Amino acid sequence: MIYIRSLVFNIICYGIILAGSILTCTVGLLLPRLIIRAFWGRYALVLIRASLKHICGLEIELRGRENIQNTPALYACKHQSAAETYFLASYVLYSTFVFKKELSHIPFFGWAFRRYGSVPVDRGGGSRAMKNMLENVKKVLHTGLSVIIFPEGTRTQPGKSAPYKAGIAFLYQNTDCPVVPVATNTGFFWKKNSFLRHPGKIIFEFMPPMPRGLDKKAFMAELKNRIETKCNELNRETIKNYPGLTEMLK
């Protein structure tokens, strides 16, 4: 049954994303970006979220809602699946993403991502790429939007981590915006490179903003400690509630 439910959900999910991407790249060219973001954040992603709950039995719990800022901020989120990309923008409504430049070449989806106002980054571009990213992020923040970034730059399985990239520290040191760590357990239910969507509860937990004035080394160590410690807590809670997922941590 899980295969059938996952198949039905994926058809709906990617159908909405494809249709929305085409609309964004056509009709959306004539519309302000504010309307485009409202379409994705308030309608398309909310519809996908409802489909996930009612078809796959996979609901989403938001914790630390009080830590979602009322002014532009940087949200540094653990990246375990595509779910973060799809759903965070439906909670942090006035926001956009930093994403790897290669995705911008995907027909319609990548083009729509650019039209949405997301910030591409060339991960092999060195210092020039960092400066371009900073310039583009500042422009986004100046318009009143927040920016969501995945510090590891790639998806990891629950219980594992990749080196945190220096980009988030560079933004922390060169902007005045708060940096909000975000932990999640999405990888248990929405596995990387799998079309299965397992029933259960996805958790996004927003933590208090990072303190200001830290040097790069101290900031990176504290950010990683906060995110990984909270993710480990969510992992233990998830395994307790769903013992059949224990294999995921092996």
C-alpha atoms as a PDB file:
ATOM      1  CA  MET A   1       0.000   0.000   0.000  1.00  0.00           C
ATOM      2  CA  ILE A   2       2.858   2.395   0.761  1.00  0.00           C
ATOM      3  CA  TYR A   3       4.027   2.087  -2.851  1.00  0.00           C
ATOM      4  CA  ILE A   4       0.600   3.006  -4.209  1.00  0.00           C
ATOM      5  CA  ARG A   5       0.177   5.908  -1.783  1.00  0.00           C
ATOM      6  CA  SER A   6       3.661   7.197  -2.588  1.00  0.00           C
ATOM      7  CA  LEU A   7       3.025   6.912  -6.310  1.00  0.00           C
ATOM      8  CA  VAL A   8      -0.249   8.836  -6.085  1.00  0.00           C
ATOM      9  CA  PHE A   9       1.351  11.523  -3.924  1.00  0.00           C
ATOM     10  CA  ASN A  10       4.361  11.897  -6.228  1.00  0.00           C
ATOM     11  CA  ILE A  11       2.119  12.296  -9.260  1.00  0.00           C
ATOM     12  CA  ILE A  12       0.208  15.058  -7.466  1.00  0.00           C
ATOM     13  CA  CYS A  13       3.315  16.664  -5.955  1.00  0.00           C
ATOM     14  CA  TYR A  14       5.466  16.802  -9.061  1.00  0.00           C
ATOM     15  CA  GLY A  15       2.438  17.600 -11.210  1.00  0.00           C
ATOM     16  CA  ILE A  16       1.792  20.705  -9.082  1.00  0.00           C
ATOM     17  CA  ILE A  17       5.482  21.648  -9.171  1.00  0.00           C
ATOM     18  CA  LEU A  18       5.703  21.203 -12.949  1.00  0.00           C
ATOM     19  CA  ALA A  19       2.490  23.126 -13.605  1.00  0.00           C
ATOM     20  CA  GLY A  20       3.519  25.856 -11.181  1.00  0.00           C
ATOM     21  CA  SER A  21       6.999  26.090 -12.714  1.00  0.00           C
ATOM     22  CA  ILE A  22       5.555  26.454 -16.216  1.00  0.00           C
ATOM     23  CA  LEU A  23       3.154  29.137 -15.024  1.00  0.00           C
ATOM     24  CA  THR A  24       5.979  30.936 -13.224  1.00  0.00           C
ATOM     25  CA  CYS A  25       8.104  30.907 -16.385  1.00  0.00           C
ATOM     26  CA  THR A  26       5.268  32.139 -18.609  1.00  0.00           C
ATOM     27  CA  VAL A  27       2.456  34.081 -16.949  1.00  0.00           C
ATOM     28  CA  GLY A  28       4.773  34.773 -14.015  1.00  0.00           C
ATOM     29  CA  LEU A  29       7.005  36.904 -16.207  1.00  0.00           C
ATOM     30  CA  LEU A  30       4.252  39.511 -16.193  1.00  0.00           C
ATOM     31  CA  LEU A  31       3.641  39.367 -12.440  1.00  0.00           C
ATOM     32  CA  PRO A  32       5.539  40.842  -9.477  1.00  0.00           C
ATOM     33  CA  ARG A  33       7.651  38.357  -7.548  1.00  0.00           C
ATOM     34  CA  LEU A  34       5.514  38.994  -4.471  1.00  0.00           C
ATOM     35  CA  ILE A  35       2.568  37.343  -6.195  1.00  0.00           C
ATOM     36  CA  ILE A  36       4.740  34.442  -7.362  1.00  0.00           C
ATOM     37  CA  ARG A  37       5.976  33.814  -3.819  1.00  0.00           C
ATOM     38  CA  ALA A  38       2.433  34.035  -2.489  1.00  0.00           C
ATOM     39  CA  PHE A  39       1.343  31.440  -5.048  1.00  0.00           C
ATOM     40  CA  TRP A  40       4.074  28.992  -3.999  1.00  0.00           C
ATOM     41  CA  GLY A  41       4.120  29.661  -0.257  1.00  0.00           C
ATOM     42  CA  ARG A  42       0.404  30.035   0.406  1.00  0.00           C
ATOM     43  CA  TYR A  43      -1.167  27.762  -2.181  1.00  0.00           C
ATOM     44  CA  ALA A  44       1.000  25.302  -4.118  1.00  0.00           C
ATOM     45  CA  LEU A  45       3.191  24.133  -1.214  1.00  0.00           C
ATOM     46  CA  VAL A  46       0.268  24.098   1.211  1.00  0.00           C
ATOM     47  CA  LEU A  47      -1.653  21.865  -1.212  1.00  0.00           C
ATOM     48  CA  ILE A  48       1.333  19.522  -1.489  1.00  0.00           C
ATOM     49  CA  ARG A  49       1.610  19.449   2.305  1.00  0.00           C
ATOM     50  CA  ALA A  50      -2.073  18.526   2.635  1.00  0.00           C
ATOM     51  CA  SER A  51      -1.663  15.772   0.024  1.00  0.00           C
ATOM     52  CA  LEU A  52       1.308  14.387   1.935  1.00  0.00           C
ATOM     53  CA  LYS A  53      -0.757  14.150   5.114  1.00  0.00           C
ATOM     54  CA  HIS A  54      -3.965  12.717   3.683  1.00  0.00           C
ATOM     55  CA  ILE A  55      -2.474  10.365   1.086  1.00  0.00           C
ATOM     56  CA  CYS A  56       0.752   9.177   2.736  1.00  0.00           C
ATOM     57  CA  GLY A  57      -0.135   9.669   6.396  1.00  0.00           C
ATOM     58  CA  LEU A  58       2.906  11.897   6.813  1.00  0.00           C
ATOM     59  CA  GLU A  59       2.187  15.033   8.795  1.00  0.00           C
ATOM     60  CA  ILE A  60       4.450  17.964   9.632  1.00  0.00           C
ATOM     61  CA  GLU A  61       4.966  19.447  13.083  1.00  0.00           C
ATOM     62  CA  LEU A  62       6.491  22.888  13.485  1.00  0.00           C
ATOM     63  CA  ARG A  63       8.381  23.595  16.703  1.00  0.00           C
ATOM     64  CA  GLY A  64       9.971  26.820  17.874  1.00  0.00           C
ATOM     65  CA  ARG A  65       7.553  28.938  15.901  1.00  0.00           C
ATOM     66  CA  GLU A  66       8.413  31.854  18.201  1.00  0.00           C
ATOM     67  CA  ASN A  67      11.941  31.823  16.739  1.00  0.00           C
ATOM     68  CA  ILE A  68      10.696  32.618  13.227  1.00  0.00           C
ATOM     69  CA  GLN A  69      11.710  36.241  12.856  1.00  0.00           C
ATOM     70  CA  ASN A  70       9.426  39.133  11.950  1.00  0.00           C
ATOM     71  CA  THR A  71      12.271  40.817  10.072  1.00  0.00           C
ATOM     72  CA  PRO A  72      14.659  39.446   7.398  1.00  0.00           C
ATOM     73  CA  ALA A  73      16.850  36.642   8.737  1.00  0.00           C
ATOM     74  CA  LEU A  74      19.115  33.813   7.652  1.00  0.00           C
ATOM     75  CA  TYR A  75      17.757  30.312   8.345  1.00  0.00           C
ATOM     76  CA  ALA A  76      20.456  27.625   8.475  1.00  0.00           C
ATOM     77  CA  CYS A  77      18.684  24.284   8.053  1.00  0.00           C
ATOM     78  CA  LYS A  78      19.760  20.665   8.194  1.00  0.00           C
ATOM     79  CA  HIS A  79      19.268  19.111   4.755  1.00  0.00           C
ATOM     80  CA  GLN A  80      18.094  15.490   4.639  1.00  0.00           C
ATOM     81  CA  SER A  81      15.580  15.454   1.786  1.00  0.00           C
ATOM     82  CA  ALA A  82      13.736  17.546  -0.775  1.00  0.00           C
ATOM     83  CA  ALA A  83      11.049  18.150   1.860  1.00  0.00           C
ATOM     84  CA  GLU A  84      12.989  21.092   3.306  1.00  0.00           C
ATOM     85  CA  THR A  85      13.028  22.772  -0.094  1.00  0.00           C
ATOM     86  CA  TYR A  86       9.319  22.231  -0.603  1.00  0.00           C
ATOM     87  CA  PHE A  87       7.915  23.058   2.818  1.00  0.00           C
ATOM     88  CA  LEU A  88      10.097  25.577   4.659  1.00  0.00           C
ATOM     89  CA  ALA A  89       8.933  28.371   2.367  1.00  0.00           C
ATOM     90  CA  SER A  90       5.333  27.627   3.393  1.00  0.00           C
ATOM     91  CA  TYR A  91       6.257  28.387   7.023  1.00  0.00           C
ATOM     92  CA  VAL A  92       8.747  31.221   6.496  1.00  0.00           C
ATOM     93  CA  LEU A  93       6.440  32.908   4.001  1.00  0.00           C
ATOM     94  CA  TYR A  94       8.591  35.845   2.957  1.00  0.00           C
ATOM     95  CA  SER A  95      11.729  33.907   2.118  1.00  0.00           C
ATOM     96  CA  THR A  96      13.842  32.468  -0.649  1.00  0.00           C
ATOM     97  CA  PHE A  97      16.743  30.009  -0.955  1.00  0.00           C
ATOM     98  CA  VAL A  98      20.441  29.799  -1.646  1.00  0.00           C
ATOM     99  CA  PHE A  99      20.821  26.907  -4.097  1.00  0.00           C
ATOM    100  CA  LYS A 100      23.543  25.332  -6.196  1.00  0.00           C
ATOM    101  CA  LYS A 101      23.889  26.986  -9.591  1.00  0.00           C
ATOM    102  CA  GLU A 102      23.543  23.708 -11.505  1.00  0.00           C
ATOM    103  CA  LEU A 103      19.861  23.479 -10.553  1.00  0.00           C
ATOM    104  CA  SER A 104      19.107  26.696 -12.419  1.00  0.00           C
ATOM    105  CA  HIS A 105      19.691  24.877 -15.729  1.00  0.00           C
ATOM    106  CA  ILE A 106      16.846  22.391 -15.179  1.00  0.00           C
ATOM    107  CA  PRO A 107      14.060  23.318 -17.635  1.00  0.00           C
ATOM    108  CA  PHE A 108      11.125  25.103 -16.017  1.00  0.00           C
ATOM    109  CA  PHE A 109      11.971  24.037 -12.431  1.00  0.00           C
ATOM    110  CA  GLY A 110      15.369  25.732 -12.402  1.00  0.00           C
ATOM    111  CA  TRP A 111      14.083  28.703 -14.368  1.00  0.00           C
ATOM    112  CA  ALA A 112      11.183  29.093 -11.925  1.00  0.00           C
ATOM    113  CA  PHE A 113      13.600  28.929  -9.002  1.00  0.00           C
ATOM    114  CA  ARG A 114      15.457  31.888 -10.466  1.00  0.00           C
ATOM    115  CA  ARG A 115      12.231  33.744 -11.163  1.00  0.00           C
ATOM    116  CA  TYR A 116      11.169  33.070  -7.562  1.00  0.00           C
ATOM    117  CA  GLY A 117      14.221  35.119  -6.540  1.00  0.00           C
ATOM    118  CA  SER A 118      16.450  32.360  -5.177  1.00  0.00           C
ATOM    119  CA  VAL A 119      20.191  32.961  -5.025  1.00  0.00           C
ATOM    120  CA  PRO A 120      22.403  30.627  -7.109  1.00  0.00           C
ATOM    121  CA  VAL A 121      25.899  29.831  -5.878  1.00  0.00           C
ATOM    122  CA  ASP A 122      28.788  28.281  -7.802  1.00  0.00           C
ATOM    123  CA  ARG A 123      30.207  25.837  -5.256  1.00  0.00           C
ATOM    124  CA  GLY A 124      33.477  25.608  -7.161  1.00  0.00           C
ATOM    125  CA  GLY A 125      33.821  29.317  -7.802  1.00  0.00           C
ATOM    126  CA  GLY A 126      36.014  30.175  -4.821  1.00  0.00           C
ATOM    127  CA  SER A 127      36.147  33.663  -3.328  1.00  0.00           C
ATOM    128  CA  ARG A 128      34.455  35.297  -6.332  1.00  0.00           C
ATOM    129  CA  ALA A 129      31.435  33.019  -5.935  1.00  0.00           C
ATOM    130  CA  MET A 130      31.275  33.895  -2.225  1.00  0.00           C
ATOM    131  CA  LYS A 131      31.298  37.611  -2.989  1.00  0.00           C
ATOM    132  CA  ASN A 132      28.591  37.210  -5.638  1.00  0.00           C
ATOM    133  CA  MET A 133      26.473  35.210  -3.213  1.00  0.00           C
ATOM    134  CA  LEU A 134      26.875  37.879  -0.529  1.00  0.00           C
ATOM    135  CA  GLU A 135      25.912  40.633  -2.944  1.00  0.00           C
ATOM    136  CA  ASN A 136      22.804  38.768  -4.096  1.00  0.00           C
ATOM    137  CA  VAL A 137      21.784  37.799  -0.557  1.00  0.00           C
ATOM    138  CA  LYS A 138      22.081  41.429   0.573  1.00  0.00           C
ATOM    139  CA  LYS A 139      19.797  42.463  -2.282  1.00  0.00           C
ATOM    140  CA  VAL A 140      17.237  39.864  -1.219  1.00  0.00           C
ATOM    141  CA  LEU A 141      17.423  40.885   2.450  1.00  0.00           C
ATOM    142  CA  HIS A 142      17.053  44.534   1.448  1.00  0.00           C
ATOM    143  CA  THR A 143      13.707  43.727  -0.179  1.00  0.00           C
ATOM    144  CA  GLY A 144      12.424  42.405   3.161  1.00  0.00           C
ATOM    145  CA  LEU A 145      12.846  38.687   2.449  1.00  0.00           C
ATOM    146  CA  SER A 146      14.593  36.089   4.565  1.00  0.00           C
ATOM    147  CA  VAL A 147      17.068  33.593   3.109  1.00  0.00           C
ATOM    148  CA  ILE A 148      17.108  29.833   3.742  1.00  0.00           C
ATOM    149  CA  ILE A 149      20.481  28.126   3.357  1.00  0.00           C
ATOM    150  CA  PHE A 150      21.668  24.562   3.870  1.00  0.00           C
ATOM    151  CA  PRO A 151      25.092  24.848   5.570  1.00  0.00           C
ATOM    152  CA  GLU A 152      26.266  21.376   4.520  1.00  0.00           C
ATOM    153  CA  GLY A 153      25.441  22.086   0.888  1.00  0.00           C
ATOM    154  CA  THR A 154      24.131  18.550   0.360  1.00  0.00           C
ATOM    155  CA  ARG A 155      21.624  16.076   1.755  1.00  0.00           C
ATOM    156  CA  THR A 156      22.726  13.702   4.512  1.00  0.00           C
ATOM    157  CA  GLN A 157      21.095  10.681   6.108  1.00  0.00           C
ATOM    158  CA  PRO A 158      19.726  10.870   9.668  1.00  0.00           C
ATOM    159  CA  GLY A 159      22.546  10.475  12.167  1.00  0.00           C
ATOM    160  CA  LYS A 160      25.190  11.676   9.731  1.00  0.00           C
ATOM    161  CA  SER A 161      26.626  15.055   8.821  1.00  0.00           C
ATOM    162  CA  ALA A 162      28.814  16.596   6.153  1.00  0.00           C
ATOM    163  CA  PRO A 163      31.343  19.403   6.705  1.00  0.00           C
ATOM    164  CA  TYR A 164      29.615  22.746   7.153  1.00  0.00           C
ATOM    165  CA  LYS A 165      30.528  25.155   4.361  1.00  0.00           C
ATOM    166  CA  ALA A 166      32.048  28.559   5.060  1.00  0.00           C
ATOM    167  CA  GLY A 167      29.302  30.380   3.145  1.00  0.00           C
ATOM    168  CA  ILE A 168      26.974  30.654   6.138  1.00  0.00           C
ATOM    169  CA  ALA A 169      29.764  32.136   8.288  1.00  0.00           C
ATOM    170  CA  PHE A 170      30.585  34.607   5.507  1.00  0.00           C
ATOM    171  CA  LEU A 171      26.959  35.764   5.458  1.00  0.00           C
ATOM    172  CA  TYR A 172      26.846  35.902   9.268  1.00  0.00           C
ATOM    173  CA  GLN A 173      29.912  38.147   9.395  1.00  0.00           C
ATOM    174  CA  ASN A 174      28.868  40.442   6.552  1.00  0.00           C
ATOM    175  CA  THR A 175      25.170  41.001   7.256  1.00  0.00           C
ATOM    176  CA  ASP A 176      23.345  42.266  10.333  1.00  0.00           C
ATOM    177  CA  CYS A 177      20.607  39.652  10.122  1.00  0.00           C
ATOM    178  CA  PRO A 178      20.039  37.009  12.804  1.00  0.00           C
ATOM    179  CA  VAL A 179      21.007  33.428  11.930  1.00  0.00           C
ATOM    180  CA  VAL A 180      18.340  30.934  13.025  1.00  0.00           C
ATOM    181  CA  PRO A 181      19.414  27.249  13.202  1.00  0.00           C
ATOM    182  CA  VAL A 182      16.786  24.745  12.038  1.00  0.00           C
ATOM    183  CA  ALA A 183      16.826  21.000  12.799  1.00  0.00           C
ATOM    184  CA  THR A 184      14.706  18.307  11.169  1.00  0.00           C
ATOM    185  CA  ASN A 185      14.156  14.555  10.842  1.00  0.00           C
ATOM    186  CA  THR A 186      12.800  14.442   7.275  1.00  0.00           C
ATOM    187  CA  GLY A 187      15.298  11.796   6.154  1.00  0.00           C
ATOM    188  CA  PHE A 188      13.480   9.079   8.082  1.00  0.00           C
ATOM    189  CA  PHE A 189      10.303   9.440   6.052  1.00  0.00           C
ATOM    190  CA  TRP A 190      11.434  11.035   2.778  1.00  0.00           C
ATOM    191  CA  LYS A 191      14.645   9.204   1.951  1.00  0.00           C
ATOM    192  CA  LYS A 192      17.199  10.589  -0.449  1.00  0.00           C
ATOM    193  CA  ASN A 193      16.794   9.177  -3.967  1.00  0.00           C
ATOM    194  CA  SER A 194      13.664   7.220  -3.039  1.00  0.00           C
ATOM    195  CA  PHE A 195      10.107   7.802  -4.237  1.00  0.00           C
ATOM    196  CA  LEU A 196       8.637   6.251  -1.050  1.00  0.00           C
ATOM    197  CA  ARG A 197       6.985   8.542   1.501  1.00  0.00           C
ATOM    198  CA  HIS A 198       6.702   6.698   4.812  1.00  0.00           C
ATOM    199  CA  PRO A 199       3.888   7.538   7.251  1.00  0.00           C
ATOM    200  CA  GLY A 200       4.840   9.346  10.443  1.00  0.00           C
ATOM    201  CA  LYS A 201       5.683  12.848  11.591  1.00  0.00           C
ATOM    202  CA  ILE A 202       8.198  15.221  10.053  1.00  0.00           C
ATOM    203  CA  ILE A 203       9.486  17.784  12.541  1.00  0.00           C
ATOM    204  CA  PHE A 204      10.995  21.175  11.771  1.00  0.00           C
ATOM    205  CA  GLU A 205      12.415  22.832  14.885  1.00  0.00           C
ATOM    206  CA  PHE A 206      13.472  26.469  14.785  1.00  0.00           C
ATOM    207  CA  MET A 207      16.003  27.365  17.484  1.00  0.00           C
ATOM    208  CA  PRO A 208      16.900  30.750  19.004  1.00  0.00           C
ATOM    209  CA  PRO A 209      19.139  32.937  16.807  1.00  0.00           C
ATOM    210  CA  MET A 210      22.889  32.612  17.042  1.00  0.00           C
ATOM    211  CA  PRO A 211      24.666  35.194  19.240  1.00  0.00           C
ATOM    212  CA  ARG A 212      26.329  38.069  17.427  1.00  0.00           C
ATOM    213  CA  GLY A 213      30.039  38.865  17.511  1.00  0.00           C
ATOM    214  CA  LEU A 214      31.467  35.351  17.186  1.00  0.00           C
ATOM    215  CA  ASP A 215      34.541  34.793  15.053  1.00  0.00           C
ATOM    216  CA  LYS A 216      34.284  32.397  12.127  1.00  0.00           C
ATOM    217  CA  LYS A 217      35.634  29.344  13.937  1.00  0.00           C
ATOM    218  CA  ALA A 218      33.490  29.833  17.022  1.00  0.00           C
ATOM    219  CA  PHE A 219      30.391  30.533  14.922  1.00  0.00           C
ATOM    220  CA  MET A 220      30.801  27.418  12.783  1.00  0.00           C
ATOM    221  CA  ALA A 221      31.427  25.210  15.822  1.00  0.00           C
ATOM    222  CA  GLU A 222      28.424  26.580  17.705  1.00  0.00           C
ATOM    223  CA  LEU A 223      26.095  26.408  14.698  1.00  0.00           C
ATOM    224  CA  LYS A 224      27.021  22.811  13.948  1.00  0.00           C
ATOM    225  CA  ASN A 225      26.719  21.851  17.608  1.00  0.00           C
ATOM    226  CA  ARG A 226      23.247  23.351  17.915  1.00  0.00           C
ATOM    227  CA  ILE A 227      21.893  21.799  14.723  1.00  0.00           C
ATOM    228  CA  GLU A 228      23.457  18.351  15.130  1.00  0.00           C
ATOM    229  CA  THR A 229      22.588  18.098  18.834  1.00  0.00           C
ATOM    230  CA  LYS A 230      18.958  18.947  18.166  1.00  0.00           C
ATOM    231  CA  CYS A 231      18.836  16.589  15.172  1.00  0.00           C
ATOM    232  CA  ASN A 232      20.156  13.768  17.370  1.00  0.00           C
ATOM    233  CA  GLU A 233      17.387  14.509  19.874  1.00  0.00           C
ATOM    234  CA  LEU A 234      14.820  14.366  17.065  1.00  0.00           C
ATOM    235  CA  ASN A 235      16.377  11.108  15.819  1.00  0.00           C
ATOM    236  CA  ARG A 236      15.952   9.468  19.229  1.00  0.00           C
ATOM    237  CA  GLU A 237      12.379  10.724  19.509  1.00  0.00           C
ATOM    238  CA  THR A 238      11.566   9.449  16.018  1.00  0.00           C
ATOM    239  CA  ILE A 239      13.024   5.995  16.691  1.00  0.00           C
ATOM    240  CA  LYS A 240      11.103   5.804  19.969  1.00  0.00           C
ATOM    241  CA  ASN A 241       7.830   6.619  18.219  1.00  0.00           C
ATOM    242  CA  TYR A 242       8.558   4.590  15.076  1.00  0.00           C
ATOM    243  CA  PRO A 243      10.802   1.629  16.074  1.00  0.00           C
ATOM    244  CA  GLY A 244      10.646   0.201  12.558  1.00  0.00           C
ATOM    245  CA  LEU A 245      12.898   3.036  11.379  1.00  0.00           C
ATOM    246  CA  THR A 246      15.855   1.943  13.523  1.00  0.00           C
ATOM    247  CA  GLU A 247      17.660   0.626  10.437  1.00  0.00           C
ATOM    248  CA  MET A 248      17.936   4.160   9.147  1.00  0.00           C
ATOM    249  CA  LEU A 249      20.624   4.952  11.735  1.00  0.00           C
ATOM    250  CA  LYS A 250      22.808   1.947  10.897  1.00  0.00           C
END
